[in-house]
Amino acid sequence: IYAMLTRGQPYVEKSIEAFETTRHDRQLRALQRKARKLGLDLVPA
């Protein structure tokens, strides 16, 4: 609301697929950090 009222820009809806993609990337980065701490490498299936 603050961004729309101060900038005068309309709201642009993001799809649920965009949220799922963002969450997938976040989970992947978290797994990669844990793997590096354990001295391991993640290999795609």
PDB file of all heavy atoms in Angstrom:
ATOM      1  N   ILE A   1       0.831  -1.203   0.000  1.00  0.00           N
ATOM      2  CA  ILE A   1       0.000   0.000   0.000  1.00  0.00           C
ATOM      3  C   ILE A   1       0.867   1.254   0.000  1.00  0.00           C
ATOM      4  O   ILE A   1       0.608   2.219  -0.736  1.00  0.00           O
ATOM      5  CB  ILE A   1      -0.949  -0.027   1.216  1.00  0.00           C
ATOM      6  CG1 ILE A   1      -2.005  -1.128   1.037  1.00  0.00           C
ATOM      7  CG2 ILE A   1      -1.633   1.332   1.402  1.00  0.00           C
ATOM      8  CD1 ILE A   1      -2.849  -1.349   2.259  1.00  0.00           C
ATOM      9  N   TYR A   2       1.932   1.253   0.818  1.00  0.00           N
ATOM     10  CA  TYR A   2       2.808   2.425   0.872  1.00  0.00           C
ATOM     11  C   TYR A   2       3.479   2.657  -0.483  1.00  0.00           C
ATOM     12  O   TYR A   2       3.571   3.800  -0.967  1.00  0.00           O
ATOM     13  CB  TYR A   2       3.860   2.234   1.957  1.00  0.00           C
ATOM     14  CG  TYR A   2       4.777   3.418   2.140  1.00  0.00           C
ATOM     15  CD1 TYR A   2       4.422   4.465   2.987  1.00  0.00           C
ATOM     16  CD2 TYR A   2       5.991   3.506   1.458  1.00  0.00           C
ATOM     17  CE1 TYR A   2       5.257   5.563   3.146  1.00  0.00           C
ATOM     18  CE2 TYR A   2       6.830   4.591   1.611  1.00  0.00           C
ATOM     19  CZ  TYR A   2       6.456   5.617   2.464  1.00  0.00           C
ATOM     20  OH  TYR A   2       7.281   6.705   2.616  1.00  0.00           O
ATOM     21  N   ALA A   3       3.938   1.580  -1.103  1.00  0.00           N
ATOM     22  CA  ALA A   3       4.612   1.726  -2.399  1.00  0.00           C
ATOM     23  C   ALA A   3       3.650   2.236  -3.461  1.00  0.00           C
ATOM     24  O   ALA A   3       4.011   3.101  -4.279  1.00  0.00           O
ATOM     25  CB  ALA A   3       5.214   0.386  -2.817  1.00  0.00           C
ATOM     26  N   MET A   4       2.428   1.737  -3.471  1.00  0.00           N
ATOM     27  CA  MET A   4       1.471   2.163  -4.487  1.00  0.00           C
ATOM     28  C   MET A   4       1.051   3.614  -4.288  1.00  0.00           C
ATOM     29  O   MET A   4       0.920   4.371  -5.258  1.00  0.00           O
ATOM     30  CB  MET A   4       0.243   1.245  -4.455  1.00  0.00           C
ATOM     31  CG  MET A   4       0.520  -0.175  -4.915  1.00  0.00           C
ATOM     32  SD  MET A   4      -0.929  -1.245  -4.789  1.00  0.00           S
ATOM     33  CE  MET A   4      -2.020  -0.496  -6.007  1.00  0.00           C
ATOM     34  N   LEU A   5       0.827   4.041  -3.040  1.00  0.00           N
ATOM     35  CA  LEU A   5       0.357   5.404  -2.799  1.00  0.00           C
ATOM     36  C   LEU A   5       1.465   6.431  -2.998  1.00  0.00           C
ATOM     37  O   LEU A   5       1.194   7.562  -3.429  1.00  0.00           O
ATOM     38  CB  LEU A   5      -0.212   5.515  -1.377  1.00  0.00           C
ATOM     39  CG  LEU A   5      -1.533   4.785  -1.126  1.00  0.00           C
ATOM     40  CD1 LEU A   5      -1.967   4.959   0.321  1.00  0.00           C
ATOM     41  CD2 LEU A   5      -2.623   5.288  -2.058  1.00  0.00           C
ATOM     42  N   THR A   6       2.698   6.091  -2.671  1.00  0.00           N
ATOM     43  CA  THR A   6       3.790   7.058  -2.795  1.00  0.00           C
ATOM     44  C   THR A   6       4.336   7.134  -4.218  1.00  0.00           C
ATOM     45  O   THR A   6       4.783   8.199  -4.659  1.00  0.00           O
ATOM     46  CB  THR A   6       4.921   6.700  -1.828  1.00  0.00           C
ATOM     47  OG1 THR A   6       5.318   5.326  -2.028  1.00  0.00           O
ATOM     48  CG2 THR A   6       4.475   6.890  -0.389  1.00  0.00           C
ATOM     49  N   ARG A   7       4.304   6.015  -4.938  1.00  0.00           N
ATOM     50  CA  ARG A   7       4.840   6.004  -6.304  1.00  0.00           C
ATOM     51  C   ARG A   7       3.765   6.148  -7.368  1.00  0.00           C
ATOM     52  O   ARG A   7       4.087   6.431  -8.528  1.00  0.00           O
ATOM     53  CB  ARG A   7       5.622   4.709  -6.539  1.00  0.00           C
ATOM     54  CG  ARG A   7       6.791   4.516  -5.585  1.00  0.00           C
ATOM     55  CD  ARG A   7       7.404   3.143  -5.781  1.00  0.00           C
ATOM     56  NE  ARG A   7       8.436   2.878  -4.769  1.00  0.00           N
ATOM     57  CZ  ARG A   7       9.060   1.701  -4.620  1.00  0.00           C
ATOM     58  NH1 ARG A   7       8.749   0.698  -5.433  1.00  0.00           N
ATOM     59  NH2 ARG A   7       9.964   1.542  -3.683  1.00  0.00           N
ATOM     60  N   GLY A   8       2.511   5.923  -7.001  1.00  0.00           N
ATOM     61  CA  GLY A   8       1.438   6.014  -7.977  1.00  0.00           C
ATOM     62  C   GLY A   8       1.450   4.911  -9.004  1.00  0.00           C
ATOM     63  O   GLY A   8       0.918   5.089 -10.113  1.00  0.00           O
ATOM     64  N   GLN A   9       2.031   3.758  -8.672  1.00  0.00           N
ATOM     65  CA  GLN A   9       2.124   2.651  -9.615  1.00  0.00           C
ATOM     66  C   GLN A   9       1.046   1.617  -9.330  1.00  0.00           C
ATOM     67  O   GLN A   9       0.717   1.369  -8.167  1.00  0.00           O
ATOM     68  CB  GLN A   9       3.502   2.002  -9.532  1.00  0.00           C
ATOM     69  CG  GLN A   9       4.652   2.927  -9.898  1.00  0.00           C
ATOM     70  CD  GLN A   9       6.007   2.259  -9.722  1.00  0.00           C
ATOM     71  OE1 GLN A   9       6.101   1.164  -9.189  1.00  0.00           O
ATOM     72  NE2 GLN A   9       7.046   2.935 -10.173  1.00  0.00           N
ATOM     73  N   PRO A  10       0.486   0.993 -10.356  1.00  0.00           N
ATOM     74  CA  PRO A  10      -0.530  -0.040 -10.125  1.00  0.00           C
ATOM     75  C   PRO A  10       0.089  -1.323  -9.606  1.00  0.00           C
ATOM     76  O   PRO A  10       1.294  -1.555  -9.728  1.00  0.00           O
ATOM     77  CB  PRO A  10      -1.150  -0.232 -11.518  1.00  0.00           C
ATOM     78  CG  PRO A  10      -0.055   0.133 -12.466  1.00  0.00           C
ATOM     79  CD  PRO A  10       0.718   1.237 -11.795  1.00  0.00           C
ATOM     80  N   TYR A  11      -0.762  -2.158  -9.046  1.00  0.00           N
ATOM     81  CA  TYR A  11      -0.300  -3.439  -8.524  1.00  0.00           C
ATOM     82  C   TYR A  11      -0.170  -4.446  -9.667  1.00  0.00           C
ATOM     83  O   TYR A  11      -1.064  -4.561 -10.510  1.00  0.00           O
ATOM     84  CB  TYR A  11      -1.286  -3.970  -7.480  1.00  0.00           C
ATOM     85  CG  TYR A  11      -0.941  -5.351  -6.975  1.00  0.00           C
ATOM     86  CD1 TYR A  11       0.080  -5.546  -6.056  1.00  0.00           C
ATOM     87  CD2 TYR A  11      -1.649  -6.465  -7.439  1.00  0.00           C
ATOM     88  CE1 TYR A  11       0.391  -6.809  -5.596  1.00  0.00           C
ATOM     89  CE2 TYR A  11      -1.340  -7.736  -6.974  1.00  0.00           C
ATOM     90  CZ  TYR A  11      -0.314  -7.900  -6.059  1.00  0.00           C
ATOM     91  OH  TYR A  11      -0.016  -9.161  -5.607  1.00  0.00           O
ATOM     92  N   VAL A  12       0.960  -5.150  -9.693  1.00  0.00           N
ATOM     93  CA  VAL A  12       1.220  -6.174 -10.696  1.00  0.00           C
ATOM     94  C   VAL A  12       1.225  -7.517  -9.980  1.00  0.00           C
ATOM     95  O   VAL A  12       2.073  -7.770  -9.116  1.00  0.00           O
ATOM     96  CB  VAL A  12       2.562  -5.938 -11.417  1.00  0.00           C
ATOM     97  CG1 VAL A  12       2.808  -7.040 -12.446  1.00  0.00           C
ATOM     98  CG2 VAL A  12       2.573  -4.567 -12.084  1.00  0.00           C
ATOM     99  N   GLU A  13       0.278  -8.375 -10.327  1.00  0.00           N
ATOM    100  CA  GLU A  13       0.125  -9.659  -9.663  1.00  0.00           C
ATOM    101  C   GLU A  13       1.180 -10.659 -10.142  1.00  0.00           C
ATOM    102  O   GLU A  13       1.437 -10.778 -11.342  1.00  0.00           O
ATOM    103  CB  GLU A  13      -1.277 -10.220  -9.902  1.00  0.00           C
ATOM    104  CG  GLU A  13      -1.484 -11.651  -9.453  1.00  0.00           C
ATOM    105  CD  GLU A  13      -1.288 -11.825  -7.955  1.00  0.00           C
ATOM    106  OE1 GLU A  13      -1.403 -10.816  -7.211  1.00  0.00           O
ATOM    107  OE2 GLU A  13      -1.035 -12.955  -7.536  1.00  0.00           O
ATOM    108  N   LYS A  14       1.800 -11.361  -9.179  1.00  0.00           N
ATOM    109  CA  LYS A  14       2.692 -12.468  -9.480  1.00  0.00           C
ATOM    110  C   LYS A  14       1.919 -13.780  -9.334  1.00  0.00           C
ATOM    111  O   LYS A  14       1.081 -13.903  -8.462  1.00  0.00           O
ATOM    112  CB  LYS A  14       3.896 -12.470  -8.535  1.00  0.00           C
ATOM    113  CG  LYS A  14       4.785 -11.255  -8.649  1.00  0.00           C
ATOM    114  CD  LYS A  14       5.950 -11.360  -7.688  1.00  0.00           C
ATOM    115  CE  LYS A  14       6.849 -10.139  -7.761  1.00  0.00           C
ATOM    116  NZ  LYS A  14       7.974 -10.241  -6.788  1.00  0.00           N
ATOM    117  N   SER A  15       2.222 -14.727 -10.169  1.00  0.00           N
ATOM    118  CA  SER A  15       1.514 -15.998 -10.138  1.00  0.00           C
ATOM    119  C   SER A  15       2.042 -16.880  -9.011  1.00  0.00           C
ATOM    120  O   SER A  15       3.115 -16.647  -8.449  1.00  0.00           O
ATOM    121  CB  SER A  15       1.665 -16.715 -11.480  1.00  0.00           C
ATOM    122  OG  SER A  15       3.039 -16.997 -11.738  1.00  0.00           O
ATOM    123  N   ILE A  16       1.277 -17.933  -8.703  1.00  0.00           N
ATOM    124  CA  ILE A  16       1.721 -18.902  -7.698  1.00  0.00           C
ATOM    125  C   ILE A  16       2.962 -19.631  -8.187  1.00  0.00           C
ATOM    126  O   ILE A  16       3.835 -20.010  -7.389  1.00  0.00           O
ATOM    127  CB  ILE A  16       0.578 -19.886  -7.378  1.00  0.00           C
ATOM    128  CG1 ILE A  16      -0.626 -19.134  -6.814  1.00  0.00           C
ATOM    129  CG2 ILE A  16       1.032 -20.966  -6.421  1.00  0.00           C
ATOM    130  CD1 ILE A  16      -1.780 -20.029  -6.438  1.00  0.00           C
ATOM    131  N   GLU A  17       3.074 -19.827  -9.526  1.00  0.00           N
ATOM    132  CA  GLU A  17       4.262 -20.480 -10.060  1.00  0.00           C
ATOM    133  C   GLU A  17       5.515 -19.675  -9.760  1.00  0.00           C
ATOM    134  O   GLU A  17       6.584 -20.242  -9.482  1.00  0.00           O
ATOM    135  CB  GLU A  17       4.116 -20.670 -11.575  1.00  0.00           C
ATOM    136  CG  GLU A  17       3.084 -21.707 -12.001  1.00  0.00           C
ATOM    137  CD  GLU A  17       1.661 -21.205 -11.856  1.00  0.00           C
ATOM    138  OE1 GLU A  17       1.485 -19.977 -11.663  1.00  0.00           O
ATOM    139  OE2 GLU A  17       0.725 -22.032 -11.931  1.00  0.00           O
ATOM    140  N   ALA A  18       5.400 -18.336  -9.800  1.00  0.00           N
ATOM    141  CA  ALA A  18       6.555 -17.501  -9.457  1.00  0.00           C
ATOM    142  C   ALA A  18       6.945 -17.683  -8.003  1.00  0.00           C
ATOM    143  O   ALA A  18       8.135 -17.718  -7.666  1.00  0.00           O
ATOM    144  CB  ALA A  18       6.238 -16.035  -9.747  1.00  0.00           C
ATOM    145  N   PHE A  19       5.947 -17.813  -7.116  1.00  0.00           N
ATOM    146  CA  PHE A  19       6.265 -18.049  -5.709  1.00  0.00           C
ATOM    147  C   PHE A  19       6.931 -19.410  -5.517  1.00  0.00           C
ATOM    148  O   PHE A  19       7.898 -19.531  -4.764  1.00  0.00           O
ATOM    149  CB  PHE A  19       4.988 -17.970  -4.866  1.00  0.00           C
ATOM    150  CG  PHE A  19       5.196 -18.323  -3.423  1.00  0.00           C
ATOM    151  CD1 PHE A  19       5.723 -17.402  -2.533  1.00  0.00           C
ATOM    152  CD2 PHE A  19       4.874 -19.591  -2.949  1.00  0.00           C
ATOM    153  CE1 PHE A  19       5.918 -17.733  -1.209  1.00  0.00           C
ATOM    154  CE2 PHE A  19       5.064 -19.929  -1.622  1.00  0.00           C
ATOM    155  CZ  PHE A  19       5.594 -18.995  -0.751  1.00  0.00           C
ATOM    156  N   GLU A  20       6.415 -20.445  -6.188  1.00  0.00           N
ATOM    157  CA  GLU A  20       6.999 -21.771  -6.055  1.00  0.00           C
ATOM    158  C   GLU A  20       8.424 -21.794  -6.591  1.00  0.00           C
ATOM    159  O   GLU A  20       9.308 -22.446  -6.013  1.00  0.00           O
ATOM    160  CB  GLU A  20       6.137 -22.794  -6.795  1.00  0.00           C
ATOM    161  CG  GLU A  20       4.756 -23.000  -6.200  1.00  0.00           C
ATOM    162  CD  GLU A  20       4.818 -23.573  -4.793  1.00  0.00           C
ATOM    163  OE1 GLU A  20       5.838 -24.202  -4.446  1.00  0.00           O
ATOM    164  OE2 GLU A  20       3.838 -23.379  -4.035  1.00  0.00           O
ATOM    165  N   THR A  21       8.678 -21.075  -7.687  1.00  0.00           N
ATOM    166  CA  THR A  21      10.047 -21.006  -8.218  1.00  0.00           C
ATOM    167  C   THR A  21      10.979 -20.316  -7.239  1.00  0.00           C
ATOM    168  O   THR A  21      12.120 -20.771  -7.009  1.00  0.00           O
ATOM    169  CB  THR A  21      10.036 -20.255  -9.563  1.00  0.00           C
ATOM    170  OG1 THR A  21       9.164 -20.923 -10.473  1.00  0.00           O
ATOM    171  CG2 THR A  21      11.423 -20.192 -10.158  1.00  0.00           C
ATOM    172  N   THR A  22      10.521 -19.219  -6.643  1.00  0.00           N
ATOM    173  CA  THR A  22      11.349 -18.508  -5.661  1.00  0.00           C
ATOM    174  C   THR A  22      11.630 -19.387  -4.450  1.00  0.00           C
ATOM    175  O   THR A  22      12.764 -19.428  -3.946  1.00  0.00           O
ATOM    176  CB  THR A  22      10.632 -17.217  -5.232  1.00  0.00           C
ATOM    177  OG1 THR A  22      10.354 -16.420  -6.375  1.00  0.00           O
ATOM    178  CG2 THR A  22      11.494 -16.423  -4.267  1.00  0.00           C
ATOM    179  N   ARG A  23      10.616 -20.105  -3.965  1.00  0.00           N
ATOM    180  CA  ARG A  23      10.818 -20.970  -2.810  1.00  0.00           C
ATOM    181  C   ARG A  23      11.755 -22.133  -3.145  1.00  0.00           C
ATOM    182  O   ARG A  23      12.599 -22.527  -2.328  1.00  0.00           O
ATOM    183  CB  ARG A  23       9.479 -21.495  -2.314  1.00  0.00           C
ATOM    184  CG  ARG A  23       9.595 -22.302  -1.025  1.00  0.00           C
ATOM    185  CD  ARG A  23       8.255 -22.638  -0.443  1.00  0.00           C
ATOM    186  NE  ARG A  23       7.485 -23.537  -1.302  1.00  0.00           N
ATOM    187  CZ  ARG A  23       6.358 -24.136  -0.896  1.00  0.00           C
ATOM    188  NH1 ARG A  23       5.888 -23.917   0.331  1.00  0.00           N
ATOM    189  NH2 ARG A  23       5.702 -24.931  -1.716  1.00  0.00           N
ATOM    190  N   HIS A  24      11.631 -22.674  -4.371  1.00  0.00           N
ATOM    191  CA  HIS A  24      12.530 -23.761  -4.780  1.00  0.00           C
ATOM    192  C   HIS A  24      13.971 -23.289  -4.810  1.00  0.00           C
ATOM    193  O   HIS A  24      14.896 -23.983  -4.347  1.00  0.00           O
ATOM    194  CB  HIS A  24      12.093 -24.282  -6.156  1.00  0.00           C
ATOM    195  CG  HIS A  24      12.988 -25.348  -6.701  1.00  0.00           C
ATOM    196  ND1 HIS A  24      14.074 -25.070  -7.514  1.00  0.00           N
ATOM    197  CD2 HIS A  24      12.978 -26.702  -6.537  1.00  0.00           C
ATOM    198  CE1 HIS A  24      14.685 -26.185  -7.831  1.00  0.00           C
ATOM    199  NE2 HIS A  24      14.038 -27.205  -7.255  1.00  0.00           N
ATOM    200  N   ASP A  25      14.213 -22.094  -5.367  1.00  0.00           N
ATOM    201  CA  ASP A  25      15.579 -21.562  -5.413  1.00  0.00           C
ATOM    202  C   ASP A  25      16.119 -21.306  -4.007  1.00  0.00           C
ATOM    203  O   ASP A  25      17.308 -21.554  -3.735  1.00  0.00           O
ATOM    204  CB  ASP A  25      15.599 -20.269  -6.223  1.00  0.00           C
ATOM    205  CG  ASP A  25      15.251 -20.502  -7.689  1.00  0.00           C
ATOM    206  OD1 ASP A  25      15.368 -21.654  -8.142  1.00  0.00           O
ATOM    207  OD2 ASP A  25      14.852 -19.524  -8.364  1.00  0.00           O
ATOM    208  N   ARG A  26      15.257 -20.824  -3.104  1.00  0.00           N
ATOM    209  CA  ARG A  26      15.700 -20.580  -1.738  1.00  0.00           C
ATOM    210  C   ARG A  26      16.069 -21.886  -1.037  1.00  0.00           C
ATOM    211  O   ARG A  26      17.069 -21.959  -0.331  1.00  0.00           O
ATOM    212  CB  ARG A  26      14.590 -19.848  -0.969  1.00  0.00           C
ATOM    213  CG  ARG A  26      15.050 -19.354   0.402  1.00  0.00           C
ATOM    214  CD  ARG A  26      13.905 -18.764   1.198  1.00  0.00           C
ATOM    215  NE  ARG A  26      13.252 -17.672   0.478  1.00  0.00           N
ATOM    216  CZ  ARG A  26      12.008 -17.704   0.061  1.00  0.00           C
ATOM    217  NH1 ARG A  26      11.260 -18.785   0.243  1.00  0.00           N
ATOM    218  NH2 ARG A  26      11.485 -16.670  -0.570  1.00  0.00           N
ATOM    219  N   GLN A  27      15.264 -22.912  -1.214  1.00  0.00           N
ATOM    220  CA  GLN A  27      15.563 -24.201  -0.610  1.00  0.00           C
ATOM    221  C   GLN A  27      16.843 -24.808  -1.180  1.00  0.00           C
ATOM    222  O   GLN A  27      17.639 -25.421  -0.451  1.00  0.00           O
ATOM    223  CB  GLN A  27      14.386 -25.157  -0.816  1.00  0.00           C
ATOM    224  CG  GLN A  27      13.136 -24.783  -0.032  1.00  0.00           C
ATOM    225  CD  GLN A  27      11.965 -25.686  -0.373  1.00  0.00           C
ATOM    226  OE1 GLN A  27      12.008 -26.428  -1.342  1.00  0.00           O
ATOM    227  NE2 GLN A  27      10.910 -25.607   0.439  1.00  0.00           N
ATOM    228  N   LEU A  28      17.052 -24.635  -2.490  1.00  0.00           N
ATOM    229  CA  LEU A  28      18.262 -25.158  -3.107  1.00  0.00           C
ATOM    230  C   LEU A  28      19.505 -24.468  -2.580  1.00  0.00           C
ATOM    231  O   LEU A  28      20.529 -25.119  -2.291  1.00  0.00           O
ATOM    232  CB  LEU A  28      18.166 -25.011  -4.631  1.00  0.00           C
ATOM    233  CG  LEU A  28      19.355 -25.544  -5.455  1.00  0.00           C
ATOM    234  CD1 LEU A  28      19.541 -27.036  -5.205  1.00  0.00           C
ATOM    235  CD2 LEU A  28      19.151 -25.260  -6.936  1.00  0.00           C
ATOM    236  N   ARG A  29      19.450 -23.150  -2.404  1.00  0.00           N
ATOM    237  CA  ARG A  29      20.607 -22.425  -1.861  1.00  0.00           C
ATOM    238  C   ARG A  29      20.889 -22.850  -0.426  1.00  0.00           C
ATOM    239  O   ARG A  29      22.059 -22.958  -0.012  1.00  0.00           O
ATOM    240  CB  ARG A  29      20.353 -20.919  -1.935  1.00  0.00           C
ATOM    241  CG  ARG A  29      20.396 -20.359  -3.354  1.00  0.00           C
ATOM    242  CD  ARG A  29      20.483 -18.828  -3.329  1.00  0.00           C
ATOM    243  NE  ARG A  29      19.333 -18.241  -2.667  1.00  0.00           N
ATOM    244  CZ  ARG A  29      18.216 -17.868  -3.292  1.00  0.00           C
ATOM    245  NH1 ARG A  29      18.098 -18.074  -4.613  1.00  0.00           N
ATOM    246  NH2 ARG A  29      17.219 -17.321  -2.645  1.00  0.00           N
ATOM    247  N   ALA A  30      19.824 -23.105   0.361  1.00  0.00           N
ATOM    248  CA  ALA A  30      20.020 -23.556   1.738  1.00  0.00           C
ATOM    249  C   ALA A  30      20.687 -24.931   1.774  1.00  0.00           C
ATOM    250  O   ALA A  30      21.592 -25.190   2.591  1.00  0.00           O
ATOM    251  CB  ALA A  30      18.681 -23.591   2.475  1.00  0.00           C
ATOM    252  N   LEU A  31      20.267 -25.839   0.891  1.00  0.00           N
ATOM    253  CA  LEU A  31      20.893 -27.159   0.841  1.00  0.00           C
ATOM    254  C   LEU A  31      22.353 -27.067   0.403  1.00  0.00           C
ATOM    255  O   LEU A  31      23.219 -27.806   0.914  1.00  0.00           O
ATOM    256  CB  LEU A  31      20.111 -28.053  -0.117  1.00  0.00           C
ATOM    257  CG  LEU A  31      18.729 -28.512   0.350  1.00  0.00           C
ATOM    258  CD1 LEU A  31      18.023 -29.284  -0.761  1.00  0.00           C
ATOM    259  CD2 LEU A  31      18.836 -29.359   1.608  1.00  0.00           C
ATOM    260  N   GLN A  32      22.654 -26.184  -0.529  1.00  0.00           N
ATOM    261  CA  GLN A  32      24.043 -26.017  -0.969  1.00  0.00           C
ATOM    262  C   GLN A  32      24.925 -25.468   0.153  1.00  0.00           C
ATOM    263  O   GLN A  32      26.086 -25.884   0.301  1.00  0.00           O
ATOM    264  CB  GLN A  32      24.083 -25.108  -2.192  1.00  0.00           C
ATOM    265  CG  GLN A  32      23.508 -25.745  -3.451  1.00  0.00           C
ATOM    266  CD  GLN A  32      23.423 -24.773  -4.609  1.00  0.00           C
ATOM    267  OE1 GLN A  32      23.568 -23.547  -4.420  1.00  0.00           O
ATOM    268  NE2 GLN A  32      23.179 -25.300  -5.810  1.00  0.00           N
ATOM    269  N   ARG A  33      24.387 -24.550   0.958  1.00  0.00           N
ATOM    270  CA  ARG A  33      25.174 -24.055   2.084  1.00  0.00           C
ATOM    271  C   ARG A  33      25.465 -25.160   3.094  1.00  0.00           C
ATOM    272  O   ARG A  33      26.571 -25.267   3.621  1.00  0.00           O
ATOM    273  CB  ARG A  33      24.424 -22.898   2.765  1.00  0.00           C
ATOM    274  CG  ARG A  33      24.439 -21.599   1.985  1.00  0.00           C
ATOM    275  CD  ARG A  33      23.993 -20.424   2.859  1.00  0.00           C
ATOM    276  NE  ARG A  33      22.647 -20.626   3.374  1.00  0.00           N
ATOM    277  CZ  ARG A  33      21.547 -20.185   2.768  1.00  0.00           C
ATOM    278  NH1 ARG A  33      21.646 -19.549   1.605  1.00  0.00           N
ATOM    279  NH2 ARG A  33      20.355 -20.402   3.303  1.00  0.00           N
ATOM    280  N   LYS A  34      24.440 -25.989   3.397  1.00  0.00           N
ATOM    281  CA  LYS A  34      24.653 -27.090   4.332  1.00  0.00           C
ATOM    282  C   LYS A  34      25.663 -28.098   3.784  1.00  0.00           C
ATOM    283  O   LYS A  34      26.501 -28.636   4.534  1.00  0.00           O
ATOM    284  CB  LYS A  34      23.323 -27.783   4.621  1.00  0.00           C
ATOM    285  CG  LYS A  34      22.343 -26.955   5.427  1.00  0.00           C
ATOM    286  CD  LYS A  34      21.060 -27.718   5.700  1.00  0.00           C
ATOM    287  CE  LYS A  34      20.087 -26.875   6.513  1.00  0.00           C
ATOM    288  NZ  LYS A  34      18.825 -27.609   6.775  1.00  0.00           N
ATOM    289  N   ALA A  35      25.593 -28.356   2.478  1.00  0.00           N
ATOM    290  CA  ALA A  35      26.538 -29.300   1.878  1.00  0.00           C
ATOM    291  C   ALA A  35      27.968 -28.786   1.953  1.00  0.00           C
ATOM    292  O   ALA A  35      28.908 -29.547   2.236  1.00  0.00           O
ATOM    293  CB  ALA A  35      26.140 -29.571   0.427  1.00  0.00           C
ATOM    294  N   ARG A  36      28.167 -27.484   1.710  1.00  0.00           N
ATOM    295  CA  ARG A  36      29.514 -26.928   1.787  1.00  0.00           C
ATOM    296  C   ARG A  36      30.074 -27.003   3.207  1.00  0.00           C
ATOM    297  O   ARG A  36      31.274 -27.229   3.412  1.00  0.00           O
ATOM    298  CB  ARG A  36      29.509 -25.484   1.295  1.00  0.00           C
ATOM    299  CG  ARG A  36      29.420 -25.352  -0.223  1.00  0.00           C
ATOM    300  CD  ARG A  36      29.761 -23.940  -0.672  1.00  0.00           C
ATOM    301  NE  ARG A  36      28.830 -22.961  -0.134  1.00  0.00           N
ATOM    302  CZ  ARG A  36      27.743 -22.557  -0.767  1.00  0.00           C
ATOM    303  NH1 ARG A  36      27.420 -23.097  -1.953  1.00  0.00           N
ATOM    304  NH2 ARG A  36      26.955 -21.654  -0.241  1.00  0.00           N
ATOM    305  N   LYS A  37      29.219 -26.797   4.208  1.00  0.00           N
ATOM    306  CA  LYS A  37      29.683 -26.896   5.588  1.00  0.00           C
ATOM    307  C   LYS A  37      30.124 -28.320   5.944  1.00  0.00           C
ATOM    308  O   LYS A  37      31.041 -28.526   6.741  1.00  0.00           O
ATOM    309  CB  LYS A  37      28.563 -26.453   6.547  1.00  0.00           C
ATOM    310  CG  LYS A  37      28.285 -24.962   6.537  1.00  0.00           C
ATOM    311  CD  LYS A  37      27.193 -24.588   7.547  1.00  0.00           C
ATOM    312  CE  LYS A  37      26.931 -23.094   7.524  1.00  0.00           C
ATOM    313  NZ  LYS A  37      25.848 -22.714   8.480  1.00  0.00           N
ATOM    314  N   LEU A  38      29.463 -29.310   5.324  1.00  0.00           N
ATOM    315  CA  LEU A  38      29.811 -30.715   5.580  1.00  0.00           C
ATOM    316  C   LEU A  38      30.871 -31.233   4.621  1.00  0.00           C
ATOM    317  O   LEU A  38      31.245 -32.416   4.687  1.00  0.00           O
ATOM    318  CB  LEU A  38      28.549 -31.589   5.461  1.00  0.00           C
ATOM    319  CG  LEU A  38      27.436 -31.292   6.467  1.00  0.00           C
ATOM    320  CD1 LEU A  38      26.205 -32.133   6.151  1.00  0.00           C
ATOM    321  CD2 LEU A  38      27.920 -31.575   7.889  1.00  0.00           C
ATOM    322  N   GLY A  39      31.385 -30.376   3.762  1.00  0.00           N
ATOM    323  CA  GLY A  39      32.411 -30.804   2.800  1.00  0.00           C
ATOM    324  C   GLY A  39      31.884 -31.678   1.688  1.00  0.00           C
ATOM    325  O   GLY A  39      32.606 -32.539   1.180  1.00  0.00           O
ATOM    326  N   LEU A  40      30.626 -31.499   1.315  1.00  0.00           N
ATOM    327  CA  LEU A  40      30.005 -32.311   0.294  1.00  0.00           C
ATOM    328  C   LEU A  40      29.619 -31.437  -0.888  1.00  0.00           C
ATOM    329  O   LEU A  40      29.603 -30.211  -0.806  1.00  0.00           O
ATOM    330  CB  LEU A  40      28.771 -33.034   0.860  1.00  0.00           C
ATOM    331  CG  LEU A  40      29.003 -33.938   2.078  1.00  0.00           C
ATOM    332  CD1 LEU A  40      27.655 -34.467   2.587  1.00  0.00           C
ATOM    333  CD2 LEU A  40      29.928 -35.085   1.740  1.00  0.00           C
ATOM    334  N   ASP A  41      29.313 -32.101  -1.978  1.00  0.00           N
ATOM    335  CA  ASP A  41      28.829 -31.428  -3.184  1.00  0.00           C
ATOM    336  C   ASP A  41      27.477 -32.005  -3.580  1.00  0.00           C
ATOM    337  O   ASP A  41      27.278 -33.227  -3.539  1.00  0.00           O
ATOM    338  CB  ASP A  41      29.804 -31.610  -4.343  1.00  0.00           C
ATOM    339  CG  ASP A  41      31.124 -30.848  -4.114  1.00  0.00           C
ATOM    340  OD1 ASP A  41      31.065 -29.798  -3.450  1.00  0.00           O
ATOM    341  OD2 ASP A  41      32.190 -31.321  -4.577  1.00  0.00           O
ATOM    342  N   LEU A  42      26.564 -31.144  -3.967  1.00  0.00           N
ATOM    343  CA  LEU A  42      25.259 -31.570  -4.450  1.00  0.00           C
ATOM    344  C   LEU A  42      25.353 -31.851  -5.945  1.00  0.00           C
ATOM    345  O   LEU A  42      25.848 -31.021  -6.718  1.00  0.00           O
ATOM    346  CB  LEU A  42      24.198 -30.499  -4.194  1.00  0.00           C
ATOM    347  CG  LEU A  42      23.792 -30.259  -2.740  1.00  0.00           C
ATOM    348  CD1 LEU A  42      22.734 -29.176  -2.670  1.00  0.00           C
ATOM    349  CD2 LEU A  42      23.252 -31.528  -2.130  1.00  0.00           C
ATOM    350  N   VAL A  43      24.858 -33.002  -6.337  1.00  0.00           N
ATOM    351  CA  VAL A  43      24.884 -33.404  -7.733  1.00  0.00           C
ATOM    352  C   VAL A  43      23.444 -33.568  -8.204  1.00  0.00           C
ATOM    353  O   VAL A  43      22.664 -34.314  -7.558  1.00  0.00           O
ATOM    354  CB  VAL A  43      25.659 -34.733  -7.937  1.00  0.00           C
ATOM    355  CG1 VAL A  43      25.650 -35.136  -9.406  1.00  0.00           C
ATOM    356  CG2 VAL A  43      27.079 -34.577  -7.431  1.00  0.00           C
ATOM    357  N   PRO A  44      23.025 -32.892  -9.264  1.00  0.00           N
ATOM    358  CA  PRO A  44      21.641 -33.062  -9.739  1.00  0.00           C
ATOM    359  C   PRO A  44      21.376 -34.499 -10.152  1.00  0.00           C
ATOM    360  O   PRO A  44      22.257 -35.196 -10.685  1.00  0.00           O
ATOM    361  CB  PRO A  44      21.553 -32.112 -10.930  1.00  0.00           C
ATOM    362  CG  PRO A  44      22.665 -31.142 -10.735  1.00  0.00           C
ATOM    363  CD  PRO A  44      23.766 -31.892 -10.061  1.00  0.00           C
ATOM    364  N   ALA A  45      20.139 -34.938  -9.894  1.00  0.00           N
ATOM    365  CA  ALA A  45      19.758 -36.289 -10.270  1.00  0.00           C
ATOM    366  C   ALA A  45      19.650 -36.409 -11.784  1.00  0.00           C
ATOM    367  O   ALA A  45      19.359 -35.435 -12.481  1.00  0.00           O
ATOM    368  CB  ALA A  45      18.427 -36.687  -9.613  1.00  0.00           C
TER     369      ALA A  45
END
